PDB file of N, CA and C in Angstrom:
ATOM      1  N   PHE A   1     100.524 109.038 109.723  1.00  0.00           N
ATOM      2  CA  PHE A   1     101.566 108.320 109.689  1.00  0.00           C
ATOM      3  C   PHE A   1     102.184 108.216 108.151  1.00  0.00           C
ATOM      4  N   GLY A   2     102.234 109.326 107.782  1.00  0.00           N
ATOM      5  CA  GLY A   2     102.770 109.592 106.372  1.00  0.00           C
ATOM      6  C   GLY A   2     104.338 109.203 106.081  1.00  0.00           C
ATOM      7  N   ARG A   3     104.673 109.684 104.990  1.00  0.00           N
ATOM      8  CA  ARG A   3     105.878 109.377 104.294  1.00  0.00           C
ATOM      9  C   ARG A   3     107.118 109.743 105.425  1.00  0.00           C
ATOM     10  N   ILE A   4     107.229 111.009 105.939  1.00  0.00           N
ATOM     11  CA  ILE A   4     108.464 111.100 106.728  1.00  0.00           C
ATOM     12  C   ILE A   4     108.149 110.345 108.130  1.00  0.00           C
ATOM     13  N   GLY A   5     106.958 110.206 108.654  1.00  0.00           N
ATOM     14  CA  GLY A   5     106.735 109.501 109.962  1.00  0.00           C
ATOM     15  C   GLY A   5     107.084 108.200 109.681  1.00  0.00           C
ATOM     16  N   ARG A   6     106.706 107.602 108.529  1.00  0.00           N
ATOM     17  CA  ARG A   6     107.205 106.060 108.229  1.00  0.00           C
ATOM     18  C   ARG A   6     108.673 106.043 108.178  1.00  0.00           C
ATOM     19  N   LEU A   7     109.599 106.911 107.661  1.00  0.00           N
ATOM     20  CA  LEU A   7     110.991 106.790 107.422  1.00  0.00           C
ATOM     21  C   LEU A   7     111.456 107.160 108.944  1.00  0.00           C
ATOM     22  N   VAL A   8     110.963 107.848 109.700  1.00  0.00           N
ATOM     23  CA  VAL A   8     111.421 108.123 111.318  1.00  0.00           C
ATOM     24  C   VAL A   8     111.183 106.698 111.873  1.00  0.00           C
ATOM     25  N   ALA A   9     110.244 106.121 111.665  1.00  0.00           N
ATOM     26  CA  ALA A   9     109.683 104.929 112.342  1.00  0.00           C
ATOM     27  C   ALA A   9     110.885 103.868 112.166  1.00  0.00           C
ATOM     28  N   ARG A  10     111.024 103.793 110.699  1.00  0.00           N
ATOM     29  CA  ARG A  10     112.033 102.694 110.194  1.00  0.00           C
ATOM     30  C   ARG A  10     113.535 102.885 110.933  1.00  0.00           C
ATOM     31  N   VAL A  11     113.967 104.102 110.928  1.00  0.00           N
ATOM     32  CA  VAL A  11     115.080 104.419 111.686  1.00  0.00           C
ATOM     33  C   VAL A  11     114.982 104.010 113.058  1.00  0.00           C
ATOM     34  N   ALA A  12     114.127 104.484 113.665  1.00  0.00           N
ATOM     35  CA  ALA A  12     113.950 104.390 115.264  1.00  0.00           C
ATOM     36  C   ALA A  12     113.828 102.680 115.401  1.00  0.00           C
ATOM     37  N   LEU A  13     113.099 101.785 114.717  1.00  0.00           N
ATOM     38  CA  LEU A  13     112.971 100.528 114.868  1.00  0.00           C
ATOM     39  C   LEU A  13     114.556  99.901 114.705  1.00  0.00           C
ATOM     40  N   GLN A  14     115.298 100.409 113.846  1.00  0.00           N
ATOM     41  CA  GLN A  14     116.583  99.689 113.596  1.00  0.00           C
ATOM     42  C   GLN A  14     117.737 100.166 114.380  1.00  0.00           C
ATOM     43  N   SER A  15     117.363 101.161 115.323  1.00  0.00           N
ATOM     44  CA  SER A  15     118.187 101.689 116.317  1.00  0.00           C
ATOM     45  C   SER A  15     118.185 101.040 117.801  1.00  0.00           C
ATOM     46  N   ASP A  16     119.215 100.809 118.391  1.00  0.00           N
ATOM     47  CA  ASP A  16     119.257 100.360 119.644  1.00  0.00           C
ATOM     48  C   ASP A  16     118.960 101.298 120.791  1.00  0.00           C
ATOM     49  N   ASP A  17     119.223 102.474 120.638  1.00  0.00           N
ATOM     50  CA  ASP A  17     119.153 103.470 121.536  1.00  0.00           C
ATOM     51  C   ASP A  17     117.705 104.606 121.284  1.00  0.00           C
ATOM     52  N   ILE A  18     116.794 104.036 120.269  1.00  0.00           N
ATOM     53  CA  ILE A  18     115.585 105.016 120.081  1.00  0.00           C
ATOM     54  C   ILE A  18     114.518 103.836 120.238  1.00  0.00           C
ATOM     55  N   GLU A  19     113.308 104.330 121.116  1.00  0.00           N
ATOM     56  CA  GLU A  19     112.280 103.393 121.291  1.00  0.00           C
ATOM     57  C   GLU A  19     110.897 103.999 120.561  1.00  0.00           C
ATOM     58  N   LEU A  20     110.303 103.331 119.631  1.00  0.00           N
ATOM     59  CA  LEU A  20     109.106 103.825 118.904  1.00  0.00           C
ATOM     60  C   LEU A  20     108.129 103.455 119.898  1.00  0.00           C
ATOM     61  N   VAL A  21     107.196 104.519 120.556  1.00  0.00           N
ATOM     62  CA  VAL A  21     106.171 104.257 121.505  1.00  0.00           C
ATOM     63  C   VAL A  21     104.826 104.479 120.914  1.00  0.00           C
ATOM     64  N   ALA A  22     104.692 105.347 120.194  1.00  0.00           N
ATOM     65  CA  ALA A  22     103.506 105.927 119.467  1.00  0.00           C
ATOM     66  C   ALA A  22     103.530 106.488 118.145  1.00  0.00           C
ATOM     67  N   VAL A  23     102.495 106.295 117.301  1.00  0.00           N
ATOM     68  CA  VAL A  23     102.349 107.168 115.949  1.00  0.00           C
ATOM     69  C   VAL A  23     100.932 107.565 116.072  1.00  0.00           C
ATOM     70  N   ASN A  24     100.657 108.814 115.331  1.00  0.00           N
ATOM     71  CA  ASN A  24      99.439 109.418 115.174  1.00  0.00           C
ATOM     72  C   ASN A  24      99.090 109.745 113.738  1.00  0.00           C
ATOM     73  N   ASP A  25      97.915 109.286 113.353  1.00  0.00           N
ATOM     74  CA  ASP A  25      97.289 109.479 112.065  1.00  0.00           C
ATOM     75  C   ASP A  25      95.896 109.317 112.115  1.00  0.00           C
ATOM     76  N   PRO A  26      95.123 110.458 112.102  1.00  0.00           N
ATOM     77  CA  PRO A  26      93.838 110.517 112.090  1.00  0.00           C
ATOM     78  C   PRO A  26      92.854 110.245 110.856  1.00  0.00           C
ATOM     79  N   PHE A  27      93.776 109.703 109.869  1.00  0.00           N
ATOM     80  CA  PHE A  27      93.111 109.579 108.544  1.00  0.00           C
ATOM     81  C   PHE A  27      92.989 108.076 108.090  1.00  0.00           C
ATOM     82  N   ILE A  28      94.013 107.077 108.622  1.00  0.00           N
ATOM     83  CA  ILE A  28      94.241 106.080 107.830  1.00  0.00           C
ATOM     84  C   ILE A  28      93.966 104.856 109.014  1.00  0.00           C
ATOM     85  N   THR A  29      93.688 103.767 108.657  1.00  0.00           N
ATOM     86  CA  THR A  29      93.462 102.527 109.646  1.00  0.00           C
ATOM     87  C   THR A  29      94.730 101.879 110.044  1.00  0.00           C
ATOM     88  N   THR A  30      94.730 101.001 111.169  1.00  0.00           N
ATOM     89  CA  THR A  30      96.117 100.535 111.314  1.00  0.00           C
ATOM     90  C   THR A  30      96.369  99.501 110.187  1.00  0.00           C
ATOM     91  N   GLU A  31      95.419  98.957 109.739  1.00  0.00           N
ATOM     92  CA  GLU A  31      95.748  97.856 108.505  1.00  0.00           C
ATOM     93  C   GLU A  31      96.329  98.723 107.378  1.00  0.00           C
ATOM     94  N   TYR A  32      95.844  99.923 106.983  1.00  0.00           N
ATOM     95  CA  TYR A  32      96.493 100.519 106.000  1.00  0.00           C
ATOM     96  C   TYR A  32      97.810 101.049 106.391  1.00  0.00           C
ATOM     97  N   MET A  33      98.065 101.553 107.631  1.00  0.00           N
ATOM     98  CA  MET A  33      99.359 101.773 108.198  1.00  0.00           C
ATOM     99  C   MET A  33     100.374 100.734 108.028  1.00  0.00           C
ATOM    100  N   THR A  34      99.850  99.525 108.448  1.00  0.00           N
ATOM    101  CA  THR A  34     100.882  98.398 108.289  1.00  0.00           C
ATOM    102  C   THR A  34     101.166  98.077 106.770  1.00  0.00           C
ATOM    103  N   TYR A  35     100.108  98.146 105.756  1.00  0.00           N
ATOM    104  CA  TYR A  35     100.564  97.955 104.448  1.00  0.00           C
ATOM    105  C   TYR A  35     101.550  99.169 103.868  1.00  0.00           C
ATOM    106  N   MET A  36     101.413 100.300 104.343  1.00  0.00           N
ATOM    107  CA  MET A  36     102.299 101.460 103.742  1.00  0.00           C
ATOM    108  C   MET A  36     103.645 101.343 104.281  1.00  0.00           C
ATOM    109  N   PHE A  37     103.719 100.821 105.575  1.00  0.00           N
ATOM    110  CA  PHE A  37     104.974 100.636 106.056  1.00  0.00           C
ATOM    111  C   PHE A  37     105.828  99.490 105.578  1.00  0.00           C
ATOM    112  N   LYS A  38     105.175  98.336 105.302  1.00  0.00           N
ATOM    113  CA  LYS A  38     105.629  97.201 104.855  1.00  0.00           C
ATOM    114  C   LYS A  38     106.229  97.369 103.319  1.00  0.00           C
ATOM    115  N   TYR A  39     105.417  98.046 102.533  1.00  0.00           N
ATOM    116  CA  TYR A  39     105.720  98.279 101.236  1.00  0.00           C
ATOM    117  C   TYR A  39     105.992  99.658 100.724  1.00  0.00           C
ATOM    118  N   ASP A  40     107.342 100.163 100.895  1.00  0.00           N
ATOM    119  CA  ASP A  40     107.599 101.443 100.605  1.00  0.00           C
ATOM    120  C   ASP A  40     108.201 101.600  99.229  1.00  0.00           C
ATOM    121  N   SER A  41     107.557 102.337  98.328  1.00  0.00           N
ATOM    122  CA  SER A  41     107.830 102.308  97.128  1.00  0.00           C
ATOM    123  C   SER A  41     109.226 103.010  96.833  1.00  0.00           C
ATOM    124  N   VAL A  42     109.905 103.551  97.600  1.00  0.00           N
ATOM    125  CA  VAL A  42     111.250 104.013  97.327  1.00  0.00           C
ATOM    126  C   VAL A  42     112.272 103.160  98.362  1.00  0.00           C
ATOM    127  N   HIS A  43     112.063 102.885  99.571  1.00  0.00           N
ATOM    128  CA  HIS A  43     112.908 102.127 100.212  1.00  0.00           C
ATOM    129  C   HIS A  43     112.644 100.831 100.333  1.00  0.00           C
ATOM    130  N   GLY A  44     111.653 100.221  99.835  1.00  0.00           N
ATOM    131  CA  GLY A  44     111.486  98.818  99.620  1.00  0.00           C
ATOM    132  C   GLY A  44     110.859  98.251 100.676  1.00  0.00           C
ATOM    133  N   GLN A  45     110.634  96.778 100.556  1.00  0.00           N
ATOM    134  CA  GLN A  45     109.914  96.055 101.541  1.00  0.00           C
ATOM    135  C   GLN A  45     110.511  96.037 103.029  1.00  0.00           C
ATOM    136  N   TRP A  46     109.741  96.302 103.980  1.00  0.00           N
ATOM    137  CA  TRP A  46     110.327  96.067 105.457  1.00  0.00           C
ATOM    138  C   TRP A  46     110.619  94.622 105.710  1.00  0.00           C
ATOM    139  N   LYS A  47     111.672  94.165 106.077  1.00  0.00           N
ATOM    140  CA  LYS A  47     112.125  92.845 106.259  1.00  0.00           C
ATOM    141  C   LYS A  47     112.826  92.644 107.704  1.00  0.00           C
ATOM    142  N   HIS A  48     112.910  93.804 108.592  1.00  0.00           N
ATOM    143  CA  HIS A  48     113.618  93.586 109.864  1.00  0.00           C
ATOM    144  C   HIS A  48     112.860  92.890 111.040  1.00  0.00           C
ATOM    145  N   HIS A  49     111.501  93.104 111.097  1.00  0.00           N
ATOM    146  CA  HIS A  49     110.824  92.623 112.194  1.00  0.00           C
ATOM    147  C   HIS A  49     109.179  92.274 111.386  1.00  0.00           C
ATOM    148  N   GLU A  50     108.520  91.261 111.909  1.00  0.00           N
ATOM    149  CA  GLU A  50     107.298  90.995 111.484  1.00  0.00           C
ATOM    150  C   GLU A  50     106.415  92.244 111.919  1.00  0.00           C
ATOM    151  N   LEU A  51     105.564  92.748 110.987  1.00  0.00           N
ATOM    152  CA  LEU A  51     104.620  93.801 111.606  1.00  0.00           C
ATOM    153  C   LEU A  51     103.396  93.373 111.393  1.00  0.00           C
ATOM    154  N   LYS A  52     102.433  93.592 112.343  1.00  0.00           N
ATOM    155  CA  LYS A  52     101.185  93.104 112.173  1.00  0.00           C
ATOM    156  C   LYS A  52     100.190  94.147 113.056  1.00  0.00           C
ATOM    157  N   VAL A  53      99.040  94.024 112.765  1.00  0.00           N
ATOM    158  CA  VAL A  53      98.069  94.726 113.544  1.00  0.00           C
ATOM    159  C   VAL A  53      97.566  93.938 114.754  1.00  0.00           C
ATOM    160  N   LYS A  54      97.642  94.377 116.071  1.00  0.00           N
ATOM    161  CA  LYS A  54      97.262  93.896 117.216  1.00  0.00           C
ATOM    162  C   LYS A  54      95.710  94.140 117.481  1.00  0.00           C
ATOM    163  N   ASP A  55      95.503  95.252 117.301  1.00  0.00           N
ATOM    164  CA  ASP A  55      93.939  95.818 117.440  1.00  0.00           C
ATOM    165  C   ASP A  55      94.054  97.185 116.690  1.00  0.00           C
ATOM    166  N   SER A  56      92.905  97.979 116.786  1.00  0.00           N
ATOM    167  CA  SER A  56      92.771  99.162 116.174  1.00  0.00           C
ATOM    168  C   SER A  56      93.556 100.312 116.743  1.00  0.00           C
ATOM    169  N   LYS A  57      94.080 100.217 117.990  1.00  0.00           N
ATOM    170  CA  LYS A  57      95.062 101.004 118.607  1.00  0.00           C
ATOM    171  C   LYS A  57      96.435 100.567 118.970  1.00  0.00           C
ATOM    172  N   THR A  58      96.698  99.535 118.259  1.00  0.00           N
ATOM    173  CA  THR A  58      98.213  98.763 118.539  1.00  0.00           C
ATOM    174  C   THR A  58      98.625  98.094 117.239  1.00  0.00           C
ATOM    175  N   LEU A  59      99.988  98.513 116.978  1.00  0.00           N
ATOM    176  CA  LEU A  59     100.786  97.727 115.881  1.00  0.00           C
ATOM    177  C   LEU A  59     101.876  96.953 116.743  1.00  0.00           C
ATOM    178  N   LEU A  60     102.118  95.776 115.992  1.00  0.00           N
ATOM    179  CA  LEU A  60     103.182  95.026 116.704  1.00  0.00           C
ATOM    180  C   LEU A  60     104.275  95.075 115.614  1.00  0.00           C
ATOM    181  N   PHE A  61     105.590  95.453 116.226  1.00  0.00           N
ATOM    182  CA  PHE A  61     106.767  95.236 115.276  1.00  0.00           C
ATOM    183  C   PHE A  61     107.379  94.267 116.159  1.00  0.00           C
ATOM    184  N   GLY A  62     107.383  92.913 115.337  1.00  0.00           N
ATOM    185  CA  GLY A  62     107.886  91.967 116.328  1.00  0.00           C
ATOM    186  C   GLY A  62     107.092  91.661 117.339  1.00  0.00           C
ATOM    187  N   GLU A  63     107.690  91.859 118.558  1.00  0.00           N
ATOM    188  CA  GLU A  63     107.175  91.806 120.010  1.00  0.00           C
ATOM    189  C   GLU A  63     106.780  92.983 120.401  1.00  0.00           C
ATOM    190  N   LYS A  64     107.291  94.291 119.876  1.00  0.00           N
ATOM    191  CA  LYS A  64     107.269  95.561 120.293  1.00  0.00           C
ATOM    192  C   LYS A  64     105.885  96.097 119.939  1.00  0.00           C
ATOM    193  N   SER A  65     105.107  96.550 121.024  1.00  0.00           N
ATOM    194  CA  SER A  65     103.887  97.268 120.977  1.00  0.00           C
ATOM    195  C   SER A  65     104.068  98.646 120.648  1.00  0.00           C
ATOM    196  N   VAL A  66     103.437  99.251 119.587  1.00  0.00           N
ATOM    197  CA  VAL A  66     103.417 100.638 119.344  1.00  0.00           C
ATOM    198  C   VAL A  66     102.033 101.113 119.306  1.00  0.00           C
ATOM    199  N   THR A  67     101.657 102.163 120.207  1.00  0.00           N
ATOM    200  CA  THR A  67     100.441 102.704 120.412  1.00  0.00           C
ATOM    201  C   THR A  67      99.980 103.515 119.084  1.00  0.00           C
ATOM    202  N   VAL A  68      98.554 103.415 118.671  1.00  0.00           N
ATOM    203  CA  VAL A  68      98.307 104.272 117.505  1.00  0.00           C
ATOM    204  C   VAL A  68      97.307 104.988 117.863  1.00  0.00           C
ATOM    205  N   PHE A  69      97.412 106.388 117.744  1.00  0.00           N
ATOM    206  CA  PHE A  69      96.342 107.371 118.070  1.00  0.00           C
ATOM    207  C   PHE A  69      96.005 107.898 116.673  1.00  0.00           C
ATOM    208  N   GLY A  70      94.528 108.429 116.684  1.00  0.00           N
ATOM    209  CA  GLY A  70      93.702 108.907 115.403  1.00  0.00           C
ATOM    210  C   GLY A  70      93.195 110.177 115.697  1.00  0.00           C
ATOM    211  N   ILE A  71      94.180 111.105 116.294  1.00  0.00           N
ATOM    212  CA  ILE A  71      93.562 112.439 116.791  1.00  0.00           C
ATOM    213  C   ILE A  71      94.093 113.607 115.944  1.00  0.00           C
ATOM    214  N   ARG A  72      92.954 114.412 115.506  1.00  0.00           N
ATOM    215  CA  ARG A  72      93.427 115.558 114.770  1.00  0.00           C
ATOM    216  C   ARG A  72      94.164 116.703 115.363  1.00  0.00           C
ATOM    217  N   ASN A  73      93.479 116.851 116.720  1.00  0.00           N
ATOM    218  CA  ASN A  73      94.034 117.953 117.344  1.00  0.00           C
ATOM    219  C   ASN A  73      95.250 117.572 118.360  1.00  0.00           C
ATOM    220  N   PRO A  74      96.579 118.173 118.081  1.00  0.00           N
ATOM    221  CA  PRO A  74      97.717 117.834 118.719  1.00  0.00           C
ATOM    222  C   PRO A  74      97.575 118.136 120.351  1.00  0.00           C
ATOM    223  N   GLU A  75      96.773 118.817 120.605  1.00  0.00           N
ATOM    224  CA  GLU A  75      96.760 119.330 122.005  1.00  0.00           C
ATOM    225  C   GLU A  75      95.933 118.073 122.801  1.00  0.00           C
ATOM    226  N   GLU A  76      95.256 117.251 122.244  1.00  0.00           N
ATOM    227  CA  GLU A  76      94.679 115.898 122.567  1.00  0.00           C
ATOM    228  C   GLU A  76      95.360 114.773 122.539  1.00  0.00           C
ATOM    229  N   ILE A  77      96.583 114.574 121.971  1.00  0.00           N
ATOM    230  CA  ILE A  77      97.252 113.403 121.826  1.00  0.00           C
ATOM    231  C   ILE A  77      98.153 113.086 123.164  1.00  0.00           C
ATOM    232  N   PRO A  78      97.871 112.015 123.822  1.00  0.00           N
ATOM    233  CA  PRO A  78      98.351 111.712 125.058  1.00  0.00           C
ATOM    234  C   PRO A  78      99.756 111.004 124.801  1.00  0.00           C
ATOM    235  N   TRP A  79     100.704 111.941 124.199  1.00  0.00           N
ATOM    236  CA  TRP A  79     102.203 111.352 123.859  1.00  0.00           C
ATOM    237  C   TRP A  79     102.822 110.911 125.253  1.00  0.00           C
ATOM    238  N   ALA A  80     102.558 111.677 126.486  1.00  0.00           N
ATOM    239  CA  ALA A  80     103.376 111.451 127.842  1.00  0.00           C
ATOM    240  C   ALA A  80     102.860 110.140 128.061  1.00  0.00           C
ATOM    241  N   GLU A  81     101.459 109.832 128.057  1.00  0.00           N
ATOM    242  CA  GLU A  81     100.768 108.629 128.667  1.00  0.00           C
ATOM    243  C   GLU A  81     101.352 107.288 127.937  1.00  0.00           C
ATOM    244  N   ALA A  82     101.774 107.662 126.592  1.00  0.00           N
ATOM    245  CA  ALA A  82     102.428 106.567 125.876  1.00  0.00           C
ATOM    246  C   ALA A  82     103.860 106.399 126.040  1.00  0.00           C
ATOM    247  N   GLY A  83     104.448 107.325 126.823  1.00  0.00           N
ATOM    248  CA  GLY A  83     105.816 107.041 127.120  1.00  0.00           C
ATOM    249  C   GLY A  83     106.772 107.830 126.216  1.00  0.00           C
ATOM    250  N   ALA A  84     106.237 108.721 125.379  1.00  0.00           N
ATOM    251  CA  ALA A  84     107.165 109.518 124.509  1.00  0.00           C
ATOM    252  C   ALA A  84     107.954 110.716 125.380  1.00  0.00           C
ATOM    253  N   GLU A  85     109.341 110.776 124.939  1.00  0.00           N
ATOM    254  CA  GLU A  85     110.030 111.821 125.403  1.00  0.00           C
ATOM    255  C   GLU A  85     110.306 112.712 124.187  1.00  0.00           C
ATOM    256  N   TYR A  86     110.145 112.319 122.923  1.00  0.00           N
ATOM    257  CA  TYR A  86     110.422 113.092 121.796  1.00  0.00           C
ATOM    258  C   TYR A  86     109.225 112.835 120.819  1.00  0.00           C
ATOM    259  N   VAL A  87     108.835 113.999 120.161  1.00  0.00           N
ATOM    260  CA  VAL A  87     107.683 113.798 118.989  1.00  0.00           C
ATOM    261  C   VAL A  87     108.414 114.485 117.814  1.00  0.00           C
ATOM    262  N   VAL A  88     108.069 113.749 116.658  1.00  0.00           N
ATOM    263  CA  VAL A  88     108.662 114.229 115.449  1.00  0.00           C
ATOM    264  C   VAL A  88     107.112 114.740 114.963  1.00  0.00           C
ATOM    265  N   GLU A  89     107.088 115.915 114.686  1.00  0.00           N
ATOM    266  CA  GLU A  89     105.797 116.613 113.946  1.00  0.00           C
ATOM    267  C   GLU A  89     106.101 116.555 112.525  1.00  0.00           C
ATOM    268  N   SER A  90     105.423 115.658 111.684  1.00  0.00           N
ATOM    269  CA  SER A  90     105.843 115.659 110.115  1.00  0.00           C
ATOM    270  C   SER A  90     104.683 115.632 109.353  1.00  0.00           C
ATOM    271  N   THR A  91     103.504 116.256 109.835  1.00  0.00           N
ATOM    272  CA  THR A  91     102.492 116.357 109.083  1.00  0.00           C
ATOM    273  C   THR A  91     102.461 117.331 107.866  1.00  0.00           C
ATOM    274  N   GLY A  92     103.274 118.466 108.171  1.00  0.00           N
ATOM    275  CA  GLY A  92     103.281 119.558 107.111  1.00  0.00           C
ATOM    276  C   GLY A  92     102.366 120.711 107.465  1.00  0.00           C
ATOM    277  N   VAL A  93     101.276 120.404 108.548  1.00  0.00           N
ATOM    278  CA  VAL A  93     100.291 121.344 108.944  1.00  0.00           C
ATOM    279  C   VAL A  93     100.929 122.382 109.787  1.00  0.00           C
ATOM    280  N   PHE A  94     101.826 121.857 111.061  1.00  0.00           N
ATOM    281  CA  PHE A  94     102.157 122.602 111.862  1.00  0.00           C
ATOM    282  C   PHE A  94     103.557 123.039 111.784  1.00  0.00           C
ATOM    283  N   THR A  95     103.593 124.050 110.690  1.00  0.00           N
ATOM    284  CA  THR A  95     105.121 124.173 110.262  1.00  0.00           C
ATOM    285  C   THR A  95     105.780 125.330 111.032  1.00  0.00           C
ATOM    286  N   ASP A  96     105.282 125.894 112.051  1.00  0.00           N
ATOM    287  CA  ASP A  96     106.270 126.960 112.692  1.00  0.00           C
ATOM    288  C   ASP A  96     106.102 126.293 114.211  1.00  0.00           C
ATOM    289  N   LYS A  97     107.011 127.054 114.912  1.00  0.00           N
ATOM    290  CA  LYS A  97     107.311 126.723 116.422  1.00  0.00           C
ATOM    291  C   LYS A  97     105.884 126.715 117.076  1.00  0.00           C
ATOM    292  N   ASP A  98     105.182 127.950 116.843  1.00  0.00           N
ATOM    293  CA  ASP A  98     103.922 128.230 117.792  1.00  0.00           C
ATOM    294  C   ASP A  98     102.906 127.083 117.496  1.00  0.00           C
ATOM    295  N   LYS A  99     102.751 126.783 116.157  1.00  0.00           N
ATOM    296  CA  LYS A  99     101.776 125.749 115.838  1.00  0.00           C
ATOM    297  C   LYS A  99     102.183 124.427 116.342  1.00  0.00           C
ATOM    298  N   ALA A 100     103.418 123.980 116.172  1.00  0.00           N
ATOM    299  CA  ALA A 100     104.127 122.667 116.623  1.00  0.00           C
ATOM    300  C   ALA A 100     103.990 122.498 118.081  1.00  0.00           C
ATOM    301  N   ALA A 101     103.968 123.686 118.695  1.00  0.00           N
ATOM    302  CA  ALA A 101     104.148 123.550 120.209  1.00  0.00           C
ATOM    303  C   ALA A 101     102.820 122.999 120.766  1.00  0.00           C
ATOM    304  N   ALA A 102     101.709 123.086 119.939  1.00  0.00           N
ATOM    305  CA  ALA A 102     100.551 122.491 120.517  1.00  0.00           C
ATOM    306  C   ALA A 102     100.556 121.078 121.172  1.00  0.00           C
ATOM    307  N   HIS A 103     101.531 120.406 120.497  1.00  0.00           N
ATOM    308  CA  HIS A 103     101.815 119.080 121.102  1.00  0.00           C
ATOM    309  C   HIS A 103     102.373 119.061 122.688  1.00  0.00           C
ATOM    310  N   LEU A 104     102.947 120.164 122.838  1.00  0.00           N
ATOM    311  CA  LEU A 104     103.662 120.293 124.391  1.00  0.00           C
ATOM    312  C   LEU A 104     102.675 120.400 125.155  1.00  0.00           C
ATOM    313  N   LYS A 105     101.384 120.874 125.076  1.00  0.00           N
ATOM    314  CA  LYS A 105     100.246 121.274 125.996  1.00  0.00           C
ATOM    315  C   LYS A 105      99.854 119.933 126.618  1.00  0.00           C
ATOM    316  N   VAL A 106     100.226 118.944 126.195  1.00  0.00           N
ATOM    317  CA  VAL A 106      99.729 117.673 126.834  1.00  0.00           C
ATOM    318  C   VAL A 106     100.860 116.894 127.659  1.00  0.00           C
ATOM    319  N   CYS A 107     101.979 117.448 127.490  1.00  0.00           N
ATOM    320  CA  CYS A 107     103.288 116.840 128.052  1.00  0.00           C
ATOM    321  C   CYS A 107     103.767 117.642 129.177  1.00  0.00           C
ATOM    322  N   ASP A 108     104.757 116.981 129.950  1.00  0.00           N
ATOM    323  CA  ASP A 108     105.497 117.460 130.921  1.00  0.00           C
ATOM    324  C   ASP A 108     106.567 118.321 130.468  1.00  0.00           C
ATOM    325  N   ASN A 109     107.519 118.797 131.325  1.00  0.00           N
ATOM    326  CA  ASN A 109     108.707 119.612 130.830  1.00  0.00           C
ATOM    327  C   ASN A 109     109.791 119.003 130.400  1.00  0.00           C
ATOM    328  N   THR A 110     109.789 117.634 130.388  1.00  0.00           N
ATOM    329  CA  THR A 110     110.982 116.776 129.817  1.00  0.00           C
ATOM    330  C   THR A 110     110.821 116.387 128.415  1.00  0.00           C
ATOM    331  N   PHE A 111     109.816 116.996 127.953  1.00  0.00           N
ATOM    332  CA  PHE A 111     109.215 116.579 126.553  1.00  0.00           C
ATOM    333  C   PHE A 111     110.021 117.429 125.404  1.00  0.00           C
ATOM    334  N   SER A 112     110.414 116.797 124.281  1.00  0.00           N
ATOM    335  CA  SER A 112     111.039 117.648 123.117  1.00  0.00           C
ATOM    336  C   SER A 112     110.196 117.527 122.107  1.00  0.00           C
ATOM    337  N   LEU A 113     110.189 118.600 120.926  1.00  0.00           N
ATOM    338  CA  LEU A 113     109.523 118.263 119.649  1.00  0.00           C
ATOM    339  C   LEU A 113     110.428 118.723 118.602  1.00  0.00           C
ATOM    340  N   TRP A 114     110.399 117.779 117.570  1.00  0.00           N
ATOM    341  CA  TRP A 114     110.971 118.056 116.394  1.00  0.00           C
ATOM    342  C   TRP A 114     109.937 118.249 115.304  1.00  0.00           C
ATOM    343  N   SER A 115     110.110 119.365 114.477  1.00  0.00           N
ATOM    344  CA  SER A 115     109.012 119.696 113.457  1.00  0.00           C
ATOM    345  C   SER A 115     109.855 119.533 111.963  1.00  0.00           C
ATOM    346  N   TYR A 116     109.110 118.745 111.192  1.00  0.00           N
ATOM    347  CA  TYR A 116     109.681 118.544 109.843  1.00  0.00           C
ATOM    348  C   TYR A 116     108.907 118.967 108.823  1.00  0.00           C
TER     349      TYR A 116
END
């Protein structure tokens, strides 16, 4: 849930037609995710919805639950189970179509992938 992922989440959470259902970061805790999201050094403090940790697998943006995954292998992230229709791949690791397509192996045919 790095810089670009947090910026995408900010936009999604302020949009009426985009629902943030899950994030993935195998390297940081939900507590640190919350801190990094709340206090962005460029975009300022998050003031739109209260953000808190429900548990190690869930963030709460206001009353909205967002599933948190901590999985390194994109082929193992259960995006479809979380209700995702789109995934933004923004780790900087999967930088071409073939590598980023690993996310698609756990999804059905209605799934789309954006890689940044």
